[in-house]
All heavy atoms as atom14 arrays in JSON, in Angstrom:
{
  "sequence": "YRNWFQYRDPMTRQLRSLWRPAYVDEVISKPDLSK",
  "atom14_mask": [
    [1, 1, 1, 1, 1, 1, 1, 1, 1, 1, 1, 1, 0, 0],
    [1, 1, 1, 1, 1, 1, 1, 1, 1, 1, 1, 0, 0, 0],
    [1, 1, 1, 1, 1, 1, 1, 1, 0, 0, 0, 0, 0, 0],
    [1, 1, 1, 1, 1, 1, 1, 1, 1, 1, 1, 1, 1, 1],
    [1, 1, 1, 1, 1, 1, 1, 1, 1, 1, 1, 0, 0, 0],
    [1, 1, 1, 1, 1, 1, 1, 1, 1, 0, 0, 0, 0, 0],
    [1, 1, 1, 1, 1, 1, 1, 1, 1, 1, 1, 1, 0, 0],
    [1, 1, 1, 1, 1, 1, 1, 1, 1, 1, 1, 0, 0, 0],
    [1, 1, 1, 1, 1, 1, 1, 1, 0, 0, 0, 0, 0, 0],
    [1, 1, 1, 1, 1, 1, 1, 0, 0, 0, 0, 0, 0, 0],
    [1, 1, 1, 1, 1, 1, 1, 1, 0, 0, 0, 0, 0, 0],
    [1, 1, 1, 1, 1, 1, 1, 0, 0, 0, 0, 0, 0, 0],
    [1, 1, 1, 1, 1, 1, 1, 1, 1, 1, 1, 0, 0, 0],
    [1, 1, 1, 1, 1, 1, 1, 1, 1, 0, 0, 0, 0, 0],
    [1, 1, 1, 1, 1, 1, 1, 1, 0, 0, 0, 0, 0, 0],
    [1, 1, 1, 1, 1, 1, 1, 1, 1, 1, 1, 0, 0, 0],
    [1, 1, 1, 1, 1, 1, 0, 0, 0, 0, 0, 0, 0, 0],
    [1, 1, 1, 1, 1, 1, 1, 1, 0, 0, 0, 0, 0, 0],
    [1, 1, 1, 1, 1, 1, 1, 1, 1, 1, 1, 1, 1, 1],
    [1, 1, 1, 1, 1, 1, 1, 1, 1, 1, 1, 0, 0, 0],
    [1, 1, 1, 1, 1, 1, 1, 0, 0, 0, 0, 0, 0, 0],
    [1, 1, 1, 1, 1, 0, 0, 0, 0, 0, 0, 0, 0, 0],
    [1, 1, 1, 1, 1, 1, 1, 1, 1, 1, 1, 1, 0, 0],
    [1, 1, 1, 1, 1, 1, 1, 0, 0, 0, 0, 0, 0, 0],
    [1, 1, 1, 1, 1, 1, 1, 1, 0, 0, 0, 0, 0, 0],
    [1, 1, 1, 1, 1, 1, 1, 1, 1, 0, 0, 0, 0, 0],
    [1, 1, 1, 1, 1, 1, 1, 0, 0, 0, 0, 0, 0, 0],
    [1, 1, 1, 1, 1, 1, 1, 1, 0, 0, 0, 0, 0, 0],
    [1, 1, 1, 1, 1, 1, 0, 0, 0, 0, 0, 0, 0, 0],
    [1, 1, 1, 1, 1, 1, 1, 1, 1, 0, 0, 0, 0, 0],
    [1, 1, 1, 1, 1, 1, 1, 0, 0, 0, 0, 0, 0, 0],
    [1, 1, 1, 1, 1, 1, 1, 1, 0, 0, 0, 0, 0, 0],
    [1, 1, 1, 1, 1, 1, 1, 1, 0, 0, 0, 0, 0, 0],
    [1, 1, 1, 1, 1, 1, 0, 0, 0, 0, 0, 0, 0, 0],
    [1, 1, 1, 1, 1, 1, 1, 1, 1, 0, 0, 0, 0, 0]
  ],
  "atom14_positions": [
    [[-8.41, -1.87, 14.15], [-7.21, -1.03, 14.02], [-6.37, -1.11, 15.29], [-5.14, -1.28, 15.22], [-7.59, 0.43, 13.76], [-6.36, 1.31, 13.59], [-5.69, 1.36, 12.38], [-5.86, 2.05, 14.66], [-4.55, 2.12, 12.22], [-4.71, 2.82, 14.52], [-4.06, 2.86, 13.3], [-2.91, 3.6, 13.16], [0.0, 0.0, 0.0], [0.0, 0.0, 0.0]],
    [[-7.0, -1.0, 16.45], [-6.24, -0.99, 17.71], [-5.54, -2.33, 17.95], [-4.41, -2.36, 18.44], [-7.18, -0.66, 18.87], [-7.79, 0.72, 18.78], [-8.66, 1.02, 19.98], [-7.87, 1.22, 21.18], [-8.38, 1.37, 22.4], [-9.69, 1.32, 22.57], [-7.59, 1.56, 23.44], [0.0, 0.0, 0.0], [0.0, 0.0, 0.0], [0.0, 0.0, 0.0]],
    [[-6.22, -3.42, 17.62], [-5.68, -4.74, 17.94], [-4.73, -5.31, 16.89], [-3.85, -6.11, 17.23], [-6.83, -5.74, 18.14], [-7.66, -5.42, 19.37], [-7.23, -4.69, 20.26], [-8.87, -5.97, 19.42], [0.0, 0.0, 0.0], [0.0, 0.0, 0.0], [0.0, 0.0, 0.0], [0.0, 0.0, 0.0], [0.0, 0.0, 0.0], [0.0, 0.0, 0.0]],
    [[-4.92, -4.88, 15.63], [-4.17, -5.55, 14.56], [-3.57, -4.59, 13.54], [-2.36, -4.58, 13.31], [-5.1, -6.55, 13.86], [-4.47, -7.32, 12.73], [-4.51, -7.01, 11.39], [-3.69, -8.52, 12.83], [-3.82, -7.94, 10.65], [-3.3, -8.89, 11.52], [-3.28, -9.31, 13.91], [-2.53, -10.01, 11.26], [-2.51, -10.44, 13.64], [-2.15, -10.78, 12.33]],
    [[-4.41, -3.74, 12.95], [-3.96, -3.02, 11.76], [-3.01, -1.86, 12.06], [-2.26, -1.46, 11.17], [-5.17, -2.54, 10.95], [-5.85, -3.65, 10.21], [-7.06, -4.16, 10.65], [-5.26, -4.22, 9.1], [-7.67, -5.21, 9.99], [-5.86, -5.27, 8.41], [-7.07, -5.77, 8.86], [0.0, 0.0, 0.0], [0.0, 0.0, 0.0], [0.0, 0.0, 0.0]],
    [[-3.01, -1.32, 13.26], [-2.04, -0.25, 13.51], [-0.61, -0.78, 13.45], [0.32, -0.02, 13.19], [-2.3, 0.43, 14.84], [-2.0, -0.36, 16.09], [-1.97, 0.54, 17.32], [-1.25, 1.54, 17.37], [-2.79, 0.21, 18.31], [0.0, 0.0, 0.0], [0.0, 0.0, 0.0], [0.0, 0.0, 0.0], [0.0, 0.0, 0.0], [0.0, 0.0, 0.0]],
    [[-0.44, -2.08, 13.67], [0.88, -2.68, 13.61], [1.24, -3.13, 12.19], [2.34, -3.61, 11.94], [0.95, -3.87, 14.57], [0.54, -3.49, 15.98], [-0.67, -3.96, 16.52], [1.32, -2.64, 16.75], [-1.07, -3.61, 17.8], [0.92, -2.28, 18.03], [-0.28, -2.77, 18.54], [-0.66, -2.39, 19.82], [0.0, 0.0, 0.0], [0.0, 0.0, 0.0]],
    [[0.3, -2.97, 11.26], [0.51, -3.31, 9.86], [0.19, -2.11, 8.96], [-0.07, -2.26, 7.78], [-0.35, -4.52, 9.48], [0.16, -5.79, 10.12], [-0.91, -6.81, 10.39], [-0.32, -7.98, 11.05], [-0.11, -8.04, 12.37], [-0.46, -7.03, 13.15], [0.45, -9.12, 12.91], [0.0, 0.0, 0.0], [0.0, 0.0, 0.0], [0.0, 0.0, 0.0]],
    [[0.21, -0.94, 9.57], [-0.1, 0.33, 8.9], [1.14, 0.79, 8.13], [2.18, 1.06, 8.74], [-0.5, 1.35, 9.97], [-0.93, 2.68, 9.4], [-0.46, 3.04, 8.3], [-1.7, 3.38, 10.06], [0.0, 0.0, 0.0], [0.0, 0.0, 0.0], [0.0, 0.0, 0.0], [0.0, 0.0, 0.0], [0.0, 0.0, 0.0], [0.0, 0.0, 0.0]],
    [[1.07, 0.87, 6.79], [2.27, 1.16, 6.0], [2.62, 2.65, 5.87], [3.64, 2.98, 5.28], [1.92, 0.59, 4.63], [0.44, 0.82, 4.53], [-0.1, 0.6, 5.93], [0.0, 0.0, 0.0], [0.0, 0.0, 0.0], [0.0, 0.0, 0.0], [0.0, 0.0, 0.0], [0.0, 0.0, 0.0], [0.0, 0.0, 0.0], [0.0, 0.0, 0.0]],
    [[1.77, 3.57, 6.43], [2.06, 4.97, 6.17], [2.01, 5.89, 7.39], [2.57, 6.98, 7.36], [1.12, 5.52, 5.09], [-0.31, 5.74, 5.52], [-1.32, 4.27, 5.34], [-2.94, 4.93, 5.72], [0.0, 0.0, 0.0], [0.0, 0.0, 0.0], [0.0, 0.0, 0.0], [0.0, 0.0, 0.0], [0.0, 0.0, 0.0], [0.0, 0.0, 0.0]],
    [[1.36, 5.47, 8.48], [1.14, 6.41, 9.57], [2.43, 6.84, 10.24], [2.59, 8.01, 10.62], [0.16, 5.81, 10.61], [-1.1, 5.61, 9.97], [-0.03, 6.74, 11.78], [0.0, 0.0, 0.0], [0.0, 0.0, 0.0], [0.0, 0.0, 0.0], [0.0, 0.0, 0.0], [0.0, 0.0, 0.0], [0.0, 0.0, 0.0], [0.0, 0.0, 0.0]],
    [[3.39, 5.95, 10.39], [4.66, 6.34, 11.02], [5.36, 7.42, 10.21], [5.88, 8.4, 10.78], [5.58, 5.12, 11.17], [6.94, 5.46, 11.8], [7.78, 4.23, 12.01], [7.19, 3.33, 12.99], [7.73, 2.17, 13.36], [8.87, 1.78, 12.82], [7.13, 1.41, 14.25], [0.0, 0.0, 0.0], [0.0, 0.0, 0.0], [0.0, 0.0, 0.0]],
    [[5.36, 7.27, 8.89], [6.0, 8.28, 8.03], [5.23, 9.6, 8.07], [5.84, 10.68, 8.09], [6.1, 7.76, 6.6], [7.03, 6.56, 6.43], [6.26, 5.26, 6.49], [5.37, 5.07, 7.33], [6.6, 4.34, 5.59], [0.0, 0.0, 0.0], [0.0, 0.0, 0.0], [0.0, 0.0, 0.0], [0.0, 0.0, 0.0], [0.0, 0.0, 0.0]],
    [[3.91, 9.53, 8.04], [3.1, 10.75, 8.11], [3.31, 11.46, 9.44], [3.4, 12.69, 9.5], [1.62, 10.4, 7.92], [1.21, 10.0, 6.51], [-0.15, 9.31, 6.53], [1.17, 11.22, 5.6], [0.0, 0.0, 0.0], [0.0, 0.0, 0.0], [0.0, 0.0, 0.0], [0.0, 0.0, 0.0], [0.0, 0.0, 0.0], [0.0, 0.0, 0.0]],
    [[3.39, 10.7, 10.51], [3.61, 11.29, 11.82], [4.95, 12.01, 11.89], [5.08, 13.06, 12.52], [3.54, 10.2, 12.89], [3.68, 10.72, 14.31], [3.75, 9.58, 15.3], [3.91, 10.06, 16.65], [4.4, 9.33, 17.65], [4.78, 8.09, 17.42], [4.51, 9.83, 18.85], [0.0, 0.0, 0.0], [0.0, 0.0, 0.0], [0.0, 0.0, 0.0]],
    [[5.98, 11.47, 11.24], [7.31, 12.07, 11.3], [7.36, 13.43, 10.61], [8.28, 14.22, 10.85], [8.34, 11.14, 10.66], [8.14, 11.03, 9.25], [0.0, 0.0, 0.0], [0.0, 0.0, 0.0], [0.0, 0.0, 0.0], [0.0, 0.0, 0.0], [0.0, 0.0, 0.0], [0.0, 0.0, 0.0], [0.0, 0.0, 0.0], [0.0, 0.0, 0.0]],
    [[6.37, 13.74, 9.76], [6.34, 15.03, 9.07], [5.87, 16.15, 10.0], [6.26, 17.31, 9.82], [5.41, 14.95, 7.85], [5.8, 13.94, 6.77], [4.73, 13.92, 5.69], [7.16, 14.27, 6.18], [0.0, 0.0, 0.0], [0.0, 0.0, 0.0], [0.0, 0.0, 0.0], [0.0, 0.0, 0.0], [0.0, 0.0, 0.0], [0.0, 0.0, 0.0]],
    [[4.97, 15.85, 10.93], [4.41, 16.83, 11.86], [3.83, 18.03, 11.13], [4.01, 19.18, 11.53], [5.45, 17.28, 12.9], [5.93, 16.16, 13.76], [7.18, 15.63, 13.76], [5.19, 15.42, 14.75], [7.28, 14.6, 14.67], [6.06, 14.46, 15.3], [3.87, 15.49, 15.22], [5.67, 13.57, 16.29], [3.47, 14.6, 16.2], [4.36, 13.65, 16.73]],
    [[3.11, 17.78, 10.05], [2.42, 18.82, 9.28], [1.31, 18.16, 8.48], [1.31, 16.93, 8.28], [3.4, 19.53, 8.34], [4.05, 18.61, 7.3], [4.8, 19.37, 6.24], [5.57, 18.5, 5.36], [5.06, 17.8, 4.34], [3.75, 17.86, 4.09], [5.83, 17.05, 3.58], [0.0, 0.0, 0.0], [0.0, 0.0, 0.0], [0.0, 0.0, 0.0]],
    [[0.34, 18.94, 8.0], [-0.69, 18.36, 7.15], [-0.08, 17.74, 5.89], [0.77, 18.37, 5.25], [-1.59, 19.56, 6.8], [-1.36, 20.54, 7.91], [0.09, 20.38, 8.28], [0.0, 0.0, 0.0], [0.0, 0.0, 0.0], [0.0, 0.0, 0.0], [0.0, 0.0, 0.0], [0.0, 0.0, 0.0], [0.0, 0.0, 0.0], [0.0, 0.0, 0.0]],
    [[-0.49, 16.54, 5.56], [0.11, 15.86, 4.41], [-0.88, 14.88, 3.8], [-1.71, 14.28, 4.5], [1.38, 15.12, 4.83], [0.0, 0.0, 0.0], [0.0, 0.0, 0.0], [0.0, 0.0, 0.0], [0.0, 0.0, 0.0], [0.0, 0.0, 0.0], [0.0, 0.0, 0.0], [0.0, 0.0, 0.0], [0.0, 0.0, 0.0], [0.0, 0.0, 0.0]],
    [[-0.77, 14.72, 2.48], [-1.54, 13.69, 1.8], [-0.91, 12.32, 2.1], [0.32, 12.2, 2.23], [-1.5, 13.89, 0.29], [-1.89, 15.25, -0.21], [-0.93, 16.12, -0.73], [-3.22, 15.68, -0.2], [-1.29, 17.37, -1.22], [-3.58, 16.92, -0.68], [-2.61, 17.77, -1.19], [-2.96, 19.01, -1.66], [0.0, 0.0, 0.0], [0.0, 0.0, 0.0]],
    [[-1.73, 11.29, 2.18], [-1.2, 9.94, 2.34], [-0.28, 9.6, 1.17], [0.75, 8.93, 1.33], [-2.36, 8.93, 2.45], [-1.85, 7.49, 2.3], [-3.09, 9.09, 3.79], [0.0, 0.0, 0.0], [0.0, 0.0, 0.0], [0.0, 0.0, 0.0], [0.0, 0.0, 0.0], [0.0, 0.0, 0.0], [0.0, 0.0, 0.0], [0.0, 0.0, 0.0]],
    [[-0.63, 10.11, -0.03], [0.17, 9.84, -1.23], [1.61, 10.33, -1.11], [2.48, 9.9, -1.88], [-0.46, 10.52, -2.45], [-1.81, 9.93, -2.81], [-2.27, 9.05, -2.08], [-2.4, 10.37, -3.8], [0.0, 0.0, 0.0], [0.0, 0.0, 0.0], [0.0, 0.0, 0.0], [0.0, 0.0, 0.0], [0.0, 0.0, 0.0], [0.0, 0.0, 0.0]],
    [[1.89, 11.23, -0.18], [3.25, 11.75, -0.03], [4.21, 10.68, 0.47], [5.42, 10.76, 0.22], [3.29, 12.94, 0.93], [2.68, 14.21, 0.38], [2.92, 15.39, 1.31], [4.06, 15.56, 1.78], [1.97, 16.15, 1.56], [0.0, 0.0, 0.0], [0.0, 0.0, 0.0], [0.0, 0.0, 0.0], [0.0, 0.0, 0.0], [0.0, 0.0, 0.0]],
    [[3.7, 9.69, 1.21], [4.59, 8.7, 1.8], [4.42, 7.31, 1.2], [5.28, 6.45, 1.38], [4.4, 8.63, 3.34], [4.73, 9.98, 3.97], [3.0, 8.2, 3.71], [0.0, 0.0, 0.0], [0.0, 0.0, 0.0], [0.0, 0.0, 0.0], [0.0, 0.0, 0.0], [0.0, 0.0, 0.0], [0.0, 0.0, 0.0], [0.0, 0.0, 0.0]],
    [[3.31, 7.08, 0.49], [3.11, 5.81, -0.19], [2.18, 6.03, -1.38], [1.13, 6.66, -1.25], [2.55, 4.72, 0.76], [2.46, 3.37, 0.05], [1.21, 5.14, 1.35], [2.13, 2.2, 0.99], [0.0, 0.0, 0.0], [0.0, 0.0, 0.0], [0.0, 0.0, 0.0], [0.0, 0.0, 0.0], [0.0, 0.0, 0.0], [0.0, 0.0, 0.0]],
    [[2.58, 5.53, -2.53], [1.77, 5.72, -3.73], [0.5, 4.86, -3.65], [0.46, 3.84, -2.94], [2.56, 5.33, -4.98], [2.78, 3.93, -5.01], [0.0, 0.0, 0.0], [0.0, 0.0, 0.0], [0.0, 0.0, 0.0], [0.0, 0.0, 0.0], [0.0, 0.0, 0.0], [0.0, 0.0, 0.0], [0.0, 0.0, 0.0], [0.0, 0.0, 0.0]],
    [[-0.52, 5.29, -4.37], [-1.77, 4.52, -4.36], [-1.58, 3.09, -4.88], [-2.15, 2.15, -4.31], [-2.84, 5.26, -5.15], [-3.42, 6.44, -4.38], [-4.66, 6.99, -5.04], [-5.27, 8.09, -4.16], [-6.48, 8.69, -4.76], [0.0, 0.0, 0.0], [0.0, 0.0, 0.0], [0.0, 0.0, 0.0], [0.0, 0.0, 0.0], [0.0, 0.0, 0.0]],
    [[-0.8, 2.89, -5.95], [-0.59, 1.49, -6.4], [0.07, 0.64, -5.33], [-0.31, -0.53, -5.14], [0.32, 1.66, -7.63], [-0.01, 3.03, -8.14], [-0.25, 3.86, -6.92], [0.0, 0.0, 0.0], [0.0, 0.0, 0.0], [0.0, 0.0, 0.0], [0.0, 0.0, 0.0], [0.0, 0.0, 0.0], [0.0, 0.0, 0.0], [0.0, 0.0, 0.0]],
    [[1.05, 1.21, -4.6], [1.71, 0.44, -3.54], [0.77, 0.19, -2.36], [0.75, -0.9, -1.79], [2.97, 1.16, -3.06], [4.1, 1.1, -4.08], [4.04, 0.24, -4.97], [5.03, 1.93, -3.98], [0.0, 0.0, 0.0], [0.0, 0.0, 0.0], [0.0, 0.0, 0.0], [0.0, 0.0, 0.0], [0.0, 0.0, 0.0], [0.0, 0.0, 0.0]],
    [[-0.01, 1.23, -2.0], [-0.95, 1.07, -0.89], [-1.99, 0.01, -1.21], [-2.37, -0.78, -0.34], [-1.63, 2.41, -0.6], [-2.67, 2.42, 0.53], [-2.03, 2.02, 1.85], [-3.32, 3.79, 0.64], [0.0, 0.0, 0.0], [0.0, 0.0, 0.0], [0.0, 0.0, 0.0], [0.0, 0.0, 0.0], [0.0, 0.0, 0.0], [0.0, 0.0, 0.0]],
    [[-2.44, -0.01, -2.47], [-3.51, -0.94, -2.85], [-3.08, -2.41, -2.76], [-3.94, -3.31, -2.77], [-3.99, -0.64, -4.27], [-2.98, -0.92, -5.22], [0.0, 0.0, 0.0], [0.0, 0.0, 0.0], [0.0, 0.0, 0.0], [0.0, 0.0, 0.0], [0.0, 0.0, 0.0], [0.0, 0.0, 0.0], [0.0, 0.0, 0.0], [0.0, 0.0, 0.0]],
    [[-1.78, -2.66, -2.64], [-1.29, -4.04, -2.55], [-1.2, -4.52, -1.1], [-0.89, -5.7, -0.87], [0.1, -4.14, -3.2], [0.13, -3.78, -4.67], [1.57, -3.74, -5.18], [1.62, -3.25, -6.62], [3.03, -3.12, -7.11], [0.0, 0.0, 0.0], [0.0, 0.0, 0.0], [0.0, 0.0, 0.0], [0.0, 0.0, 0.0], [0.0, 0.0, 0.0]]
  ]
}
């Protein structure tokens, strides 16, 4: 994660911008994430 995947993480930036507890599904759907 530190070396590679944090730079290819499709949802953490959006989740961070909320600054509140949130489901991952709020920023990316499971079908989209699974791809």
